[in-house]
Amino acid sequence: MFWLHIVDRNAIEITAPLQASRDIRPYRSATLRDYSEAGATYTMLIQGKHSNTIMSGSFYRIPTGTTEQQAMLPRSVLCVQPNAEHQQFLQPALADYRVVMVEKAFDAIRSINRSVFDAYVLDYWLPDWTGAALCRDIRKNDPHVPIICYTTAGDEYRVRALRAGATDYIRPPVPAIAFRERLRMLIQSADVNSLRARIEAECTIQDELRRQLPALKNAAYTPQRGAAAIEPRAKVKAAKVFIGAGGTRSCFERIWPQQFAAACANEGLKPWPPASP
């Protein structure tokens, strides 16, 4: 069966393919044929790479709250720009994003250690490092996140930047609307790849839950304490698989609460505190 997060008949989100679905991965499409919210059941056509399968079962509705609020937050971009003129260009050009602006690579690394970002905009020449070196450092932990090198450095540095892992190399002047659209397309592409990676990560979560559940039951853990005990290790393993499959760190952090909640609910666990009366 598939574990689903169903918003309504036209908004279906495949949250967790279980072991029975491994023979048809990667799936091409999922079409809801029958849906009863009152009975919490569904029947769905899964069109796989080699075959089509009819699946049915029950679904779990993710509670409103943290996950939905996170999804509504603006995307974040870290800009590493010592050039004041470039900063003045980037602030309005990235008005739709939550922008963190720093001038040095050292400050950028501190920001990266505190948070995750949906994209990066780097200058090639920095006071304490080069943009290429910083790009290589970012790629060690977030190999698929969009990185734009926005710099006045000549085209002879383009190859160095791209080899270091930059997604694009842009030299000013460039219209703000063109820059904004290019960044939007890169983030959108990263989101699509992260959706594919989510399928792989979900299998890892399910495997970890099934591996640890017997020991937790023997130790007489409550469902909520059991989920809390499993989550740290499950998150580390799932993140490694998610990023290895082409996802980004920011996308993983955004979907993790919902992803873990659905997997736990499937096993009878409660990954969040009950609502206050």
Protein backbone atom coordinates (compact mmCIF):
# COMPACT_ATOMS: atom_id res chain seq x y z
CA MET A 1 0.00 0.00 0.00
CA PHE A 2 0.92 3.68 -0.16
CA TRP A 3 0.66 6.02 2.78
CA LEU A 4 -0.99 9.24 1.64
CA HIS A 5 -1.56 12.77 2.74
CA ILE A 6 -4.85 13.63 1.03
CA VAL A 7 -5.95 17.25 1.13
CA ASP A 8 -8.93 16.77 -1.19
CA ARG A 9 -9.84 14.84 -4.32
CA ASN A 10 -7.58 16.98 -6.48
CA ALA A 11 -4.64 17.36 -4.07
CA ILE A 12 -2.97 14.05 -3.40
CA GLU A 13 0.49 13.79 -1.91
CA ILE A 14 2.28 10.45 -1.91
CA THR A 15 4.09 10.54 1.40
CA ALA A 16 5.45 7.04 1.86
CA PRO A 17 5.76 4.12 -0.51
CA LEU A 18 6.01 0.97 1.59
CA GLN A 19 7.74 -2.28 0.73
CA ALA A 20 4.92 -3.49 -1.49
CA SER A 21 5.56 -0.61 -3.87
CA ARG A 22 9.25 -1.23 -4.50
CA ASP A 23 8.58 -3.19 -7.72
CA ILE A 24 6.91 -0.23 -9.42
CA ARG A 25 9.27 2.55 -8.39
CA PRO A 26 9.75 5.12 -9.74
CA TYR A 27 6.05 5.79 -10.15
CA ARG A 28 4.89 7.96 -13.03
CA SER A 29 1.55 9.13 -11.78
CA ALA A 30 -1.10 8.47 -9.18
CA THR A 31 -4.79 8.89 -9.95
CA LEU A 32 -7.39 8.84 -7.21
CA ARG A 33 -10.32 6.68 -8.33
CA ASP A 34 -12.41 6.56 -5.18
CA TYR A 35 -12.12 8.70 -2.08
CA SER A 36 -14.17 8.72 1.09
CA GLU A 37 -13.15 11.25 3.68
CA ALA A 38 -15.79 10.03 6.12
CA GLY A 39 -14.47 6.50 5.92
CA ALA A 40 -10.84 7.62 5.52
CA THR A 41 -10.31 5.27 2.59
CA TYR A 42 -9.04 5.52 -0.96
CA THR A 43 -8.61 3.51 -4.14
CA MET A 44 -5.82 4.66 -6.42
CA LEU A 45 -4.26 3.74 -9.75
CA ILE A 46 -0.45 3.78 -9.58
CA GLN A 47 1.23 3.95 -12.97
CA GLY A 48 4.72 2.58 -12.54
CA LYS A 49 7.71 2.31 -14.83
CA HIS A 50 6.93 -1.25 -15.87
CA SER A 51 3.38 -1.90 -14.73
CA ASN A 52 0.17 -0.37 -13.39
CA THR A 53 -1.23 -1.31 -10.00
CA ILE A 54 -4.53 -0.66 -8.27
CA MET A 55 -4.02 0.10 -4.58
CA SER A 56 -6.48 0.79 -1.82
CA GLY A 57 -6.32 1.37 1.89
CA SER A 58 -6.73 3.98 4.59
CA PHE A 59 -5.08 7.35 4.93
CA TYR A 60 -4.03 9.58 7.76
CA ARG A 61 -4.74 13.31 7.76
CA ILE A 62 -1.76 15.36 8.93
CA PRO A 63 -2.86 17.82 11.66
CA THR A 64 -2.69 21.50 10.83
CA GLY A 65 0.06 23.45 12.52
CA THR A 66 3.81 23.38 12.27
CA THR A 67 4.21 21.70 8.89
CA GLU A 68 1.72 23.91 7.11
CA GLN A 69 3.16 27.03 8.71
CA GLN A 70 6.65 26.04 7.56
CA ALA A 71 5.41 25.51 4.01
CA MET A 72 4.04 29.06 3.97
CA LEU A 73 7.31 30.65 5.07
CA PRO A 74 9.25 32.48 2.31
CA ARG A 75 12.24 30.70 0.85
CA SER A 76 15.61 31.76 2.21
CA VAL A 77 18.66 32.89 0.24
CA LEU A 78 22.15 33.49 1.60
CA CYS A 79 23.98 36.24 -0.29
CA VAL A 80 27.72 36.57 0.20
CA GLN A 81 28.50 39.94 -1.35
CA PRO A 82 31.15 42.45 -0.21
CA ASN A 83 30.27 44.82 -3.04
CA ALA A 84 27.83 47.51 -1.86
CA GLU A 85 26.49 48.09 -5.36
CA HIS A 86 25.70 44.39 -5.73
CA GLN A 87 23.97 44.38 -2.36
CA GLN A 88 21.76 47.26 -3.47
CA PHE A 89 20.82 45.30 -6.58
CA LEU A 90 20.16 41.99 -4.79
CA GLN A 91 17.97 43.28 -1.97
CA PRO A 92 15.07 44.39 -4.22
CA ALA A 93 15.73 41.64 -6.79
CA LEU A 94 15.21 39.05 -4.03
CA ALA A 95 12.30 40.82 -2.35
CA ASP A 96 10.22 37.62 -2.53
CA TYR A 97 12.75 35.73 -0.40
CA ARG A 98 14.07 35.89 3.13
CA VAL A 99 17.55 37.23 2.43
CA VAL A 100 20.56 36.92 4.71
CA MET A 101 23.30 39.25 3.49
CA VAL A 102 26.93 38.82 4.61
CA GLU A 103 30.21 40.10 3.21
CA LYS A 104 32.74 37.42 4.23
CA ALA A 105 33.03 33.68 3.74
CA PHE A 106 33.58 33.27 7.49
CA ASP A 107 30.22 34.89 8.24
CA ALA A 108 28.61 32.79 5.52
CA ILE A 109 29.86 29.56 7.11
CA ARG A 110 28.52 30.67 10.48
CA SER A 111 25.11 31.33 8.91
CA ILE A 112 25.15 27.93 7.18
CA ASN A 113 25.93 26.21 10.48
CA ARG A 114 22.93 27.92 12.10
CA SER A 115 20.37 27.44 9.35
CA VAL A 116 19.62 25.93 5.94
CA PHE A 117 19.03 27.92 2.77
CA ASP A 118 17.10 27.29 -0.43
CA ALA A 119 19.75 28.98 -2.58
CA TYR A 120 23.04 30.89 -2.44
CA VAL A 121 24.29 33.95 -4.31
CA LEU A 122 28.06 34.36 -4.09
CA ASP A 123 30.59 36.85 -5.36
CA TYR A 124 33.73 35.29 -6.77
CA TRP A 125 36.11 37.60 -4.91
CA LEU A 126 35.59 37.72 -1.13
CA PRO A 127 37.73 39.47 1.49
CA ASP A 128 38.79 36.24 3.19
CA TRP A 129 38.30 33.55 0.54
CA THR A 130 37.20 32.96 -3.02
CA GLY A 131 33.65 32.23 -4.05
CA ALA A 132 34.85 29.00 -5.68
CA ALA A 133 36.33 27.74 -2.41
CA LEU A 134 33.15 28.65 -0.51
CA CYS A 135 31.10 26.93 -3.18
CA ARG A 136 33.09 23.72 -2.73
CA ASP A 137 32.54 23.94 1.02
CA ILE A 138 28.76 24.33 0.58
CA ARG A 139 28.67 21.38 -1.80
CA LYS A 140 30.15 19.06 0.85
CA ASN A 141 26.91 19.15 2.86
CA ASP A 142 24.35 20.36 0.32
CA PRO A 143 25.43 19.04 -3.10
CA HIS A 144 22.21 19.88 -4.98
CA VAL A 145 21.24 23.32 -3.67
CA PRO A 146 21.19 26.13 -6.29
CA ILE A 147 24.29 28.36 -6.17
CA ILE A 148 24.58 31.44 -8.37
CA CYS A 149 27.92 33.15 -8.75
CA TYR A 150 27.00 36.83 -9.28
CA THR A 151 30.25 38.69 -9.85
CA THR A 152 32.17 41.16 -11.94
CA ALA A 153 35.03 38.65 -12.22
CA GLY A 154 35.83 37.98 -15.85
CA ASP A 155 34.62 35.06 -17.92
CA GLU A 156 37.98 33.38 -17.40
CA TYR A 157 36.77 32.56 -13.87
CA ARG A 158 33.49 31.05 -15.07
CA VAL A 159 34.97 27.58 -15.56
CA ARG A 160 36.54 27.64 -12.10
CA ALA A 161 33.25 28.59 -10.49
CA LEU A 162 31.26 25.94 -12.36
CA ARG A 163 33.84 23.27 -11.59
CA ALA A 164 33.62 24.22 -7.92
CA GLY A 165 29.89 23.50 -8.04
CA ALA A 166 28.18 26.75 -9.00
CA THR A 167 24.88 26.19 -10.77
CA ASP A 168 25.11 29.40 -12.80
CA TYR A 169 27.57 32.24 -13.41
CA ILE A 170 26.04 35.68 -13.95
CA ARG A 171 27.90 38.93 -14.58
CA PRO A 172 26.25 42.32 -14.05
CA PRO A 173 24.56 44.26 -15.37
CA VAL A 174 21.47 42.08 -15.61
CA PRO A 175 17.80 43.07 -15.23
CA ALA A 176 16.43 42.33 -11.78
CA ILE A 177 13.43 40.50 -13.26
CA ALA A 178 15.70 38.21 -15.28
CA PHE A 179 17.83 37.44 -12.23
CA ARG A 180 14.73 36.76 -10.12
CA GLU A 181 13.27 34.44 -12.76
CA ARG A 182 16.52 32.51 -13.11
CA LEU A 183 16.69 31.93 -9.36
CA ARG A 184 13.04 30.90 -9.27
CA MET A 185 13.62 28.30 -11.97
CA LEU A 186 16.65 26.88 -10.16
CA ILE A 187 14.75 26.57 -6.88
CA GLN A 188 11.79 25.02 -8.67
CA SER A 189 14.07 22.46 -10.31
CA ALA A 190 15.60 21.62 -6.91
CA ASP A 191 12.09 21.14 -5.51
CA VAL A 192 11.22 18.65 -8.25
CA ASN A 193 14.36 16.64 -7.57
CA SER A 194 13.59 16.74 -3.86
CA LEU A 195 10.15 15.26 -4.45
CA ARG A 196 11.80 12.26 -6.09
CA ALA A 197 14.28 12.02 -3.23
CA ARG A 198 11.42 12.04 -0.74
CA ILE A 199 10.28 8.64 -1.99
CA GLU A 200 13.68 7.14 -1.19
CA ALA A 201 13.87 8.78 2.22
CA GLU A 202 10.45 7.52 3.21
CA CYS A 203 11.49 3.93 2.68
CA THR A 204 14.45 4.55 4.98
CA ILE A 205 12.18 5.92 7.70
CA GLN A 206 9.86 2.93 7.48
CA ASP A 207 12.79 0.51 7.66
CA GLU A 208 14.18 2.29 10.73
CA LEU A 209 10.80 2.30 12.47
CA ARG A 210 10.30 -1.40 11.86
CA ARG A 211 13.84 -2.14 13.04
CA GLN A 212 13.50 -0.30 16.34
CA LEU A 213 9.85 -0.90 17.21
CA PRO A 214 10.29 -4.38 18.75
CA ALA A 215 12.90 -3.12 21.21
CA LEU A 216 10.75 -0.12 22.15
CA LYS A 217 7.73 -2.32 22.76
CA ASN A 218 9.77 -4.63 24.98
CA ALA A 219 10.90 -1.58 26.95
CA ALA A 220 7.25 -0.57 27.43
CA TYR A 221 7.65 2.82 25.73
CA THR A 222 4.48 4.83 25.18
CA PRO A 223 3.74 5.62 21.50
CA GLN A 224 4.81 9.23 21.94
CA ARG A 225 8.05 8.39 23.78
CA GLY A 226 8.76 5.69 21.22
CA ALA A 227 8.56 8.17 18.35
CA ALA A 228 10.80 10.61 20.21
CA ALA A 229 13.37 7.87 20.79
CA ILE A 230 13.44 6.83 17.13
CA GLU A 231 13.38 10.25 15.48
CA PRO A 232 17.04 11.40 15.86
CA ARG A 233 18.56 8.32 14.23
CA ALA A 234 15.79 8.04 11.66
CA LYS A 235 16.30 11.69 10.68
CA VAL A 236 20.05 11.27 10.20
CA LYS A 237 19.59 8.21 8.01
CA ALA A 238 16.71 9.70 6.04
CA ALA A 239 18.63 12.95 5.42
CA LYS A 240 21.61 11.03 4.06
CA VAL A 241 19.39 9.07 1.66
CA PHE A 242 17.36 12.17 0.72
CA ILE A 243 20.43 14.23 -0.21
CA GLY A 244 22.07 11.26 -1.90
CA ALA A 245 18.97 10.91 -4.09
CA GLY A 246 19.18 14.53 -5.29
CA GLY A 247 17.33 16.46 -2.59
CA THR A 248 18.43 19.63 -0.80
CA ARG A 249 18.86 20.20 2.91
CA SER A 250 16.26 22.96 3.02
CA CYS A 251 13.62 20.78 1.34
CA PHE A 252 14.38 17.93 3.72
CA GLU A 253 14.01 20.13 6.80
CA ARG A 254 10.76 21.55 5.43
CA ILE A 255 9.10 18.19 4.81
CA TRP A 256 10.61 16.19 7.68
CA PRO A 257 7.89 16.86 10.33
CA GLN A 258 5.13 15.74 7.98
CA GLN A 259 7.14 12.85 6.59
CA PHE A 260 8.02 11.45 10.01
CA ALA A 261 4.50 12.06 11.31
CA ALA A 262 2.93 10.03 8.51
CA ALA A 263 5.40 7.17 8.92
CA CYS A 264 4.85 7.07 12.69
CA ALA A 265 1.09 7.17 12.35
CA ASN A 266 1.29 4.17 10.04
CA GLU A 267 3.02 2.26 12.86
CA GLY A 268 0.72 3.49 15.61
CA LEU A 269 3.15 6.05 17.07
CA LYS A 270 2.52 9.71 17.96
CA PRO A 271 5.40 11.99 16.90
CA TRP A 272 3.96 15.22 18.32
CA PRO A 273 2.40 16.28 21.66
CA PRO A 274 -1.38 15.98 21.81
CA ALA A 275 -3.33 19.20 21.37
CA SER A 276 -4.08 21.10 24.54
CA PRO A 277 -7.67 20.67 25.75
